[in-house]
Every structure is written in structure tokens, then in C-alpha cells.
């Protein structure tokens, strides 16, 4: 975790630990039968601590989804400056959406995301959490893309909003398509490869923004 005070980093670490615990319990026991109190107990925190961070049990997975979204946006930011936007987006997708060899934590997180997105099909509350995570990622991506374009004040412009929205929709479609199937997290049907395909399909729009 980069930036922020020690207290802020500890809070963020606690939130992520609770999120991972919630995801594991949802996958193992089901969303309906898992209570917020169960998550708190398994995470080693008091129920009041849980509710200090999250209003509902569904919201507890927000940090887990946000980590993936943040990695994607940071990869776009860190892409070589000489790359045109479409290439920078594909570069970022290849690095943020595919677990590195031997990175079991990243692979496990992706499998949790797969299970959670499947649960979201029958849970409006869980779907809302996913929608919010995607919306927040698009807003942050707009800031990054505006900076890459040399328009630090242009994140709210029509062109940058459209660019971030198209790129975000492409990645979301890839992740949701992968989650609906049984393909492994790596390979030609993994989320990174699917995202690259989606971004390539949208390249005309991305270049025109």
C-alpha cells in the first residue's frame, strides 16, 4: 500500500483483510447464510469495527474489487509515455489482469472475483457494489488519461470521459465474460487476453477521442 499515513495504511490493510475474509466465506458458505458477524469473527475484529468500515456485508468486498481496479488504472498510468492510448491500455491490461507466474495470492483473488460476480447475478446488493467499483475506476482512469494527454484539467471533458468509459467498459466486459466461464486466469481466454481483444475491437473509438 503506497502513500498515506501509517494509520491510514493500517486501516486500508484491515479493510482488505476483512474483504478477503468476506469473499472466502461467501464462496464457502454462500452469500445468504453468511452474516456480517461471521465475517467479523473470522477476520478477528469486533462487529462494531466491521460496521465502522462497512454498512452491509455485501459492501465488505469493496476493497477486494477496488484493488484490481486500482492495479489496472495504475498500470495505465505507468505505461511508457511514448505509447499511443490504445497501446497503453492494452499494455496495462496485460500486466494488471494476468497473475504473474507463482503469484498464488493474485490467482486466488481473481478466482474470488469470478465467484463474487457469479453471485452478483442473483444479488442486487452485490451487483451494486461491483457497479460502484467500476464507476469509481472509470473516474480515476479519466484523471490518468487526461494527464497522459497533457490535459490535467480535462478529466471532466467529453472526450476524456468517453475514452475512460469505453476503456472501462471493454475491461469490464472482459472480466465479466471470463467470470461467467471456466477458463483459467491465464491464457487466451483469461481476463487479460479478453481485455486486450475488447480494447482492440474498440480501438477506432479510442483513437478518435
C-alpha atoms as a PDB file:
ATOM      1  CA  UNK A   1       0.000   0.000   0.000  1.00  0.00           C
ATOM      2  CA  UNK A   2       1.574   3.252  -1.090  1.00  0.00           C
ATOM      3  CA  UNK A   3       1.069   6.721   0.338  1.00  0.00           C
ATOM      4  CA  UNK A   4      -0.925   7.931   3.315  1.00  0.00           C
ATOM      5  CA  UNK A   5      -0.071   7.912   6.993  1.00  0.00           C
ATOM      6  CA  UNK A   6       0.734   4.767   8.948  1.00  0.00           C
ATOM      7  CA  UNK A   7      -2.766   4.862  10.438  1.00  0.00           C
ATOM      8  CA  UNK A   8      -4.346   5.138   7.004  1.00  0.00           C
ATOM      9  CA  UNK A   9      -2.267   2.230   5.711  1.00  0.00           C
ATOM     10  CA  UNK A  10      -3.269   0.110   8.694  1.00  0.00           C
ATOM     11  CA  UNK A  11      -6.927   0.915   8.130  1.00  0.00           C
ATOM     12  CA  UNK A  12      -6.598   0.034   4.462  1.00  0.00           C
ATOM     13  CA  UNK A  13      -4.896  -3.244   5.372  1.00  0.00           C
ATOM     14  CA  UNK A  14      -7.685  -4.054   7.833  1.00  0.00           C
ATOM     15  CA  UNK A  15     -10.331  -3.284   5.215  1.00  0.00           C
ATOM     16  CA  UNK A  16      -8.630  -5.531   2.679  1.00  0.00           C
ATOM     17  CA  UNK A  17      -8.251  -8.335   5.217  1.00  0.00           C
ATOM     18  CA  UNK A  18     -11.959  -8.115   6.025  1.00  0.00           C
ATOM     19  CA  UNK A  19     -12.747  -8.105   2.304  1.00  0.00           C
ATOM     20  CA  UNK A  20     -10.708 -11.251   1.679  1.00  0.00           C
ATOM     21  CA  UNK A  21     -12.353 -12.922   4.660  1.00  0.00           C
ATOM     22  CA  UNK A  22     -15.809 -11.959   3.407  1.00  0.00           C
ATOM     23  CA  UNK A  23     -15.070 -13.282  -0.067  1.00  0.00           C
ATOM     24  CA  UNK A  24     -13.802 -16.577   1.313  1.00  0.00           C
ATOM     25  CA  UNK A  25     -16.898 -17.011   3.496  1.00  0.00           C
ATOM     26  CA  UNK A  26     -19.267 -16.068   0.677  1.00  0.00           C
ATOM     27  CA  UNK A  27     -17.616 -18.652  -1.570  1.00  0.00           C
ATOM     28  CA  UNK A  28     -17.519 -21.356   1.099  1.00  0.00           C
ATOM     29  CA  UNK A  29     -20.887 -20.855   2.781  1.00  0.00           C
ATOM     30  CA  UNK A  30     -22.900 -18.726   0.364  1.00  0.00           C
ATOM     31  CA  UNK A  31     -23.905 -15.094   0.462  1.00  0.00           C
ATOM     32  CA  UNK A  32     -27.280 -15.599   2.107  1.00  0.00           C
ATOM     33  CA  UNK A  33     -26.086 -17.666   5.041  1.00  0.00           C
ATOM     34  CA  UNK A  34     -23.031 -15.538   5.824  1.00  0.00           C
ATOM     35  CA  UNK A  35     -23.671 -12.758   8.345  1.00  0.00           C
ATOM     36  CA  UNK A  36     -21.633  -9.642   8.972  1.00  0.00           C
ATOM     37  CA  UNK A  37     -20.925 -11.027  12.442  1.00  0.00           C
ATOM     38  CA  UNK A  38     -19.490 -14.189  10.876  1.00  0.00           C
ATOM     39  CA  UNK A  39     -17.146 -12.100   8.741  1.00  0.00           C
ATOM     40  CA  UNK A  40     -16.042 -10.027  11.727  1.00  0.00           C
ATOM     41  CA  UNK A  41     -15.347 -13.111  13.824  1.00  0.00           C
ATOM     42  CA  UNK A  42     -13.365 -14.820  11.067  1.00  0.00           C
ATOM     43  CA  UNK A  43     -11.386 -11.636  10.401  1.00  0.00           C
ATOM     44  CA  UNK A  44     -10.566 -11.252  14.083  1.00  0.00           C
ATOM     45  CA  UNK A  45     -12.330  -7.925  14.566  1.00  0.00           C
ATOM     46  CA  UNK A  46     -15.288  -6.839  16.667  1.00  0.00           C
ATOM     47  CA  UNK A  47     -18.660  -6.421  14.920  1.00  0.00           C
ATOM     48  CA  UNK A  48     -18.583  -2.718  15.719  1.00  0.00           C
ATOM     49  CA  UNK A  49     -15.215  -2.499  13.933  1.00  0.00           C
ATOM     50  CA  UNK A  50     -16.741  -4.211  10.917  1.00  0.00           C
ATOM     51  CA  UNK A  51     -19.603  -1.715  10.831  1.00  0.00           C
ATOM     52  CA  UNK A  52     -17.168   1.151  11.219  1.00  0.00           C
ATOM     53  CA  UNK A  53     -15.773   0.194   7.827  1.00  0.00           C
ATOM     54  CA  UNK A  54     -18.796  -1.257   6.032  1.00  0.00           C
ATOM     55  CA  UNK A  55     -22.543  -0.636   6.201  1.00  0.00           C
ATOM     56  CA  UNK A  56     -23.501  -4.099   4.918  1.00  0.00           C
ATOM     57  CA  UNK A  57     -21.909  -7.498   4.454  1.00  0.00           C
ATOM     58  CA  UNK A  58     -22.017  -7.051   0.672  1.00  0.00           C
ATOM     59  CA  UNK A  59     -20.035  -3.817   0.903  1.00  0.00           C
ATOM     60  CA  UNK A  60     -17.269  -5.728   2.666  1.00  0.00           C
ATOM     61  CA  UNK A  61     -15.907  -6.974  -0.665  1.00  0.00           C
ATOM     62  CA  UNK A  62     -15.415  -3.435  -1.992  1.00  0.00           C
ATOM     63  CA  UNK A  63     -11.665  -3.281  -1.181  1.00  0.00           C
ATOM     64  CA  UNK A  64     -11.064  -6.580  -2.961  1.00  0.00           C
ATOM     65  CA  UNK A  65     -12.713  -5.311  -6.134  1.00  0.00           C
ATOM     66  CA  UNK A  66     -11.077  -1.910  -5.780  1.00  0.00           C
ATOM     67  CA  UNK A  67      -7.584  -3.414  -5.589  1.00  0.00           C
ATOM     68  CA  UNK A  68      -7.968  -4.945  -9.040  1.00  0.00           C
ATOM     69  CA  UNK A  69      -9.412  -1.734 -10.448  1.00  0.00           C
ATOM     70  CA  UNK A  70      -6.593   0.302  -8.920  1.00  0.00           C
ATOM     71  CA  UNK A  71      -3.961  -2.026 -10.371  1.00  0.00           C
ATOM     72  CA  UNK A  72      -5.489  -1.568 -13.816  1.00  0.00           C
ATOM     73  CA  UNK A  73      -5.537   2.224 -13.545  1.00  0.00           C
ATOM     74  CA  UNK A  74      -2.005   2.339 -12.117  1.00  0.00           C
ATOM     75  CA  UNK A  75      -0.774   0.158 -14.973  1.00  0.00           C
ATOM     76  CA  UNK A  76      -2.244   2.658 -17.439  1.00  0.00           C
ATOM     77  CA  UNK A  77      -0.505   5.477 -15.590  1.00  0.00           C
ATOM     78  CA  UNK A  78       2.799   3.605 -15.607  1.00  0.00           C
ATOM     79  CA  UNK A  79       2.658   2.576 -19.280  1.00  0.00           C
ATOM     80  CA  UNK A  80       5.520   4.036 -21.359  1.00  0.00           C
ATOM     81  CA  UNK A  81       4.692   7.612 -22.273  1.00  0.00           C
ATOM     82  CA  UNK A  82       5.576   7.048 -25.925  1.00  0.00           C
ATOM     83  CA  UNK A  83       2.754   4.544 -26.360  1.00  0.00           C
ATOM     84  CA  UNK A  84      -0.445   5.827 -28.009  1.00  0.00           C
ATOM     85  CA  UNK A  85      -3.517   5.458 -25.802  1.00  0.00           C
ATOM     86  CA  UNK A  86      -4.840   2.195 -27.346  1.00  0.00           C
ATOM     87  CA  UNK A  87      -1.448   0.514 -26.951  1.00  0.00           C
ATOM     88  CA  UNK A  88      -1.053   1.889 -23.427  1.00  0.00           C
ATOM     89  CA  UNK A  89      -4.418   0.432 -22.443  1.00  0.00           C
ATOM     90  CA  UNK A  90      -3.539  -2.996 -23.844  1.00  0.00           C
ATOM     91  CA  UNK A  91      -0.143  -2.810 -22.151  1.00  0.00           C
ATOM     92  CA  UNK A  92      -1.894  -2.114 -18.851  1.00  0.00           C
ATOM     93  CA  UNK A  93      -4.443  -4.891 -19.292  1.00  0.00           C
ATOM     94  CA  UNK A  94      -1.729  -7.450 -19.953  1.00  0.00           C
ATOM     95  CA  UNK A  95       0.031  -6.506 -16.729  1.00  0.00           C
ATOM     96  CA  UNK A  96      -2.871  -5.852 -14.382  1.00  0.00           C
ATOM     97  CA  UNK A  97      -5.295  -8.630 -15.292  1.00  0.00           C
ATOM     98  CA  UNK A  98      -2.974 -11.628 -15.501  1.00  0.00           C
ATOM     99  CA  UNK A  99      -1.359 -13.034 -12.359  1.00  0.00           C
ATOM    100  CA  UNK A 100       2.402 -13.378 -12.546  1.00  0.00           C
ATOM    101  CA  UNK A 101       3.770 -16.942 -12.534  1.00  0.00           C
ATOM    102  CA  UNK A 102       3.785 -18.209  -8.980  1.00  0.00           C
ATOM    103  CA  UNK A 103       1.638 -15.363  -7.648  1.00  0.00           C
ATOM    104  CA  UNK A 104      -0.890 -17.525  -5.839  1.00  0.00           C
ATOM    105  CA  UNK A 105      -2.443 -14.569  -3.997  1.00  0.00           C
ATOM    106  CA  UNK A 106      -3.303 -12.828  -7.283  1.00  0.00           C
ATOM    107  CA  UNK A 107      -4.688 -16.037  -8.764  1.00  0.00           C
ATOM    108  CA  UNK A 108      -6.788 -16.628  -5.651  1.00  0.00           C
ATOM    109  CA  UNK A 109      -8.118 -13.065  -5.748  1.00  0.00           C
ATOM    110  CA  UNK A 110      -9.175 -13.465  -9.381  1.00  0.00           C
ATOM    111  CA  UNK A 111     -10.991 -16.693  -8.569  1.00  0.00           C
ATOM    112  CA  UNK A 112     -12.783 -14.917  -5.728  1.00  0.00           C
ATOM    113  CA  UNK A 113     -13.784 -12.168  -8.145  1.00  0.00           C
ATOM    114  CA  UNK A 114     -15.144 -14.825 -10.514  1.00  0.00           C
ATOM    115  CA  UNK A 115     -17.251 -16.359  -7.754  1.00  0.00           C
ATOM    116  CA  UNK A 116     -18.443 -12.969  -6.495  1.00  0.00           C
ATOM    117  CA  UNK A 117     -19.522 -11.822  -9.955  1.00  0.00           C
ATOM    118  CA  UNK A 118     -21.487 -15.033 -10.377  1.00  0.00           C
ATOM    119  CA  UNK A 119     -23.191 -14.397  -7.039  1.00  0.00           C
ATOM    120  CA  UNK A 120     -23.939 -10.834  -8.117  1.00  0.00           C
ATOM    121  CA  UNK A 121     -26.238 -12.162 -10.828  1.00  0.00           C
ATOM    122  CA  UNK A 122     -28.685 -13.094  -8.053  1.00  0.00           C
ATOM    123  CA  UNK A 123     -27.866 -10.303  -5.605  1.00  0.00           C
ATOM    124  CA  UNK A 124     -28.764  -6.687  -6.447  1.00  0.00           C
ATOM    125  CA  UNK A 125     -26.735  -5.529  -3.431  1.00  0.00           C
ATOM    126  CA  UNK A 126     -23.612  -7.327  -4.621  1.00  0.00           C
ATOM    127  CA  UNK A 127     -24.191  -6.116  -8.181  1.00  0.00           C
ATOM    128  CA  UNK A 128     -24.401  -2.565  -6.856  1.00  0.00           C
ATOM    129  CA  UNK A 129     -21.006  -2.949  -5.172  1.00  0.00           C
ATOM    130  CA  UNK A 130     -19.495  -4.128  -8.468  1.00  0.00           C
ATOM    131  CA  UNK A 131     -21.140  -1.284 -10.380  1.00  0.00           C
ATOM    132  CA  UNK A 132     -19.776   1.261  -7.908  1.00  0.00           C
ATOM    133  CA  UNK A 133     -16.266  -0.201  -8.136  1.00  0.00           C
ATOM    134  CA  UNK A 134     -16.358   0.038 -11.927  1.00  0.00           C
ATOM    135  CA  UNK A 135     -17.707   3.595 -11.829  1.00  0.00           C
ATOM    136  CA  UNK A 136     -15.001   4.702  -9.403  1.00  0.00           C
ATOM    137  CA  UNK A 137     -12.329   3.069 -11.554  1.00  0.00           C
ATOM    138  CA  UNK A 138     -13.592   4.885 -14.649  1.00  0.00           C
ATOM    139  CA  UNK A 139     -13.470   8.219 -12.821  1.00  0.00           C
ATOM    140  CA  UNK A 140      -9.880   7.617 -11.701  1.00  0.00           C
ATOM    141  CA  UNK A 141      -8.934   6.372 -15.161  1.00  0.00           C
ATOM    142  CA  UNK A 142     -10.226   9.628 -16.642  1.00  0.00           C
ATOM    143  CA  UNK A 143      -7.778  11.583 -14.477  1.00  0.00           C
ATOM    144  CA  UNK A 144      -4.894   9.336 -15.564  1.00  0.00           C
ATOM    145  CA  UNK A 145      -5.817   9.567 -19.247  1.00  0.00           C
ATOM    146  CA  UNK A 146      -6.167  13.337 -19.051  1.00  0.00           C
ATOM    147  CA  UNK A 147      -2.662  13.533 -17.592  1.00  0.00           C
ATOM    148  CA  UNK A 148      -1.277  11.270 -20.327  1.00  0.00           C
ATOM    149  CA  UNK A 149      -2.897  13.527 -22.906  1.00  0.00           C
ATOM    150  CA  UNK A 150      -1.344  16.589 -21.317  1.00  0.00           C
ATOM    151  CA  UNK A 151      -4.736  17.781 -20.122  1.00  0.00           C
ATOM    152  CA  UNK A 152      -4.501  17.692 -16.301  1.00  0.00           C
ATOM    153  CA  UNK A 153      -7.712  19.707 -16.033  1.00  0.00           C
ATOM    154  CA  UNK A 154      -9.522  17.758 -18.719  1.00  0.00           C
ATOM    155  CA  UNK A 155     -10.784  14.712 -16.779  1.00  0.00           C
ATOM    156  CA  UNK A 156     -14.308  16.104 -16.988  1.00  0.00           C
ATOM    157  CA  UNK A 157     -14.199  16.817 -20.705  1.00  0.00           C
ATOM    158  CA  UNK A 158     -16.459  14.900 -23.068  1.00  0.00           C
ATOM    159  CA  UNK A 159     -13.549  13.316 -24.924  1.00  0.00           C
ATOM    160  CA  UNK A 160     -11.754  12.075 -21.810  1.00  0.00           C
ATOM    161  CA  UNK A 161     -14.981  10.847 -20.213  1.00  0.00           C
ATOM    162  CA  UNK A 162     -15.778   8.907 -23.381  1.00  0.00           C
ATOM    163  CA  UNK A 163     -12.272   7.489 -23.572  1.00  0.00           C
ATOM    164  CA  UNK A 164     -12.334   6.303 -19.959  1.00  0.00           C
ATOM    165  CA  UNK A 165     -15.861   4.948 -20.343  1.00  0.00           C
ATOM    166  CA  UNK A 166     -15.039   2.936 -23.466  1.00  0.00           C
ATOM    167  CA  UNK A 167     -11.830   1.559 -21.967  1.00  0.00           C
ATOM    168  CA  UNK A 168     -13.551   0.735 -18.690  1.00  0.00           C
ATOM    169  CA  UNK A 169     -16.448  -0.963 -20.468  1.00  0.00           C
ATOM    170  CA  UNK A 170     -14.022  -3.054 -22.519  1.00  0.00           C
ATOM    171  CA  UNK A 171     -12.206  -4.284 -19.423  1.00  0.00           C
ATOM    172  CA  UNK A 172     -15.445  -4.864 -17.545  1.00  0.00           C
ATOM    173  CA  UNK A 173     -16.857  -6.916 -20.436  1.00  0.00           C
ATOM    174  CA  UNK A 174     -13.682  -8.987 -20.470  1.00  0.00           C
ATOM    175  CA  UNK A 175     -13.704  -9.674 -16.724  1.00  0.00           C
ATOM    176  CA  UNK A 176     -17.418 -10.485 -16.650  1.00  0.00           C
ATOM    177  CA  UNK A 177     -17.124 -12.777 -19.681  1.00  0.00           C
ATOM    178  CA  UNK A 178     -14.219 -14.610 -18.095  1.00  0.00           C
ATOM    179  CA  UNK A 179     -16.068 -14.865 -14.775  1.00  0.00           C
ATOM    180  CA  UNK A 180     -19.084 -16.434 -16.474  1.00  0.00           C
ATOM    181  CA  UNK A 181     -16.953 -19.259 -17.887  1.00  0.00           C
ATOM    182  CA  UNK A 182     -14.457 -21.759 -16.563  1.00  0.00           C
ATOM    183  CA  UNK A 183     -11.242 -20.672 -18.302  1.00  0.00           C
ATOM    184  CA  UNK A 184      -8.122 -20.283 -16.151  1.00  0.00           C
ATOM    185  CA  UNK A 185      -6.928 -16.833 -15.150  1.00  0.00           C
ATOM    186  CA  UNK A 186      -4.085 -17.019 -17.660  1.00  0.00           C
ATOM    187  CA  UNK A 187      -4.026 -17.980 -21.320  1.00  0.00           C
ATOM    188  CA  UNK A 188      -6.056 -16.992 -24.399  1.00  0.00           C
ATOM    189  CA  UNK A 189      -9.377 -16.978 -22.548  1.00  0.00           C
ATOM    190  CA  UNK A 190      -8.126 -15.312 -19.370  1.00  0.00           C
ATOM    191  CA  UNK A 191      -9.258 -11.810 -18.376  1.00  0.00           C
ATOM    192  CA  UNK A 192      -6.077 -10.133 -19.661  1.00  0.00           C
ATOM    193  CA  UNK A 193      -6.318 -11.709 -23.108  1.00  0.00           C
ATOM    194  CA  UNK A 194     -10.045 -10.988 -23.339  1.00  0.00           C
ATOM    195  CA  UNK A 195      -9.455  -7.377 -22.298  1.00  0.00           C
ATOM    196  CA  UNK A 196      -6.808  -6.950 -24.983  1.00  0.00           C
ATOM    197  CA  UNK A 197      -9.264  -8.297 -27.560  1.00  0.00           C
ATOM    198  CA  UNK A 198     -12.019  -5.967 -26.362  1.00  0.00           C
ATOM    199  CA  UNK A 199      -9.692  -2.970 -26.397  1.00  0.00           C
ATOM    200  CA  UNK A 200      -8.525  -3.855 -29.900  1.00  0.00           C
ATOM    201  CA  UNK A 201     -12.145  -4.037 -31.059  1.00  0.00           C
ATOM    202  CA  UNK A 202     -12.740  -0.577 -29.588  1.00  0.00           C
ATOM    203  CA  UNK A 203      -9.519   0.878 -30.991  1.00  0.00           C
ATOM    204  CA  UNK A 204     -11.245   3.082 -33.556  1.00  0.00           C
ATOM    205  CA  UNK A 205     -13.176   4.840 -30.819  1.00  0.00           C
ATOM    206  CA  UNK A 206     -10.149   5.026 -28.539  1.00  0.00           C
ATOM    207  CA  UNK A 207      -8.012   6.650 -31.238  1.00  0.00           C
ATOM    208  CA  UNK A 208     -10.752   9.104 -32.091  1.00  0.00           C
ATOM    209  CA  UNK A 209     -11.049  10.523 -28.585  1.00  0.00           C
END
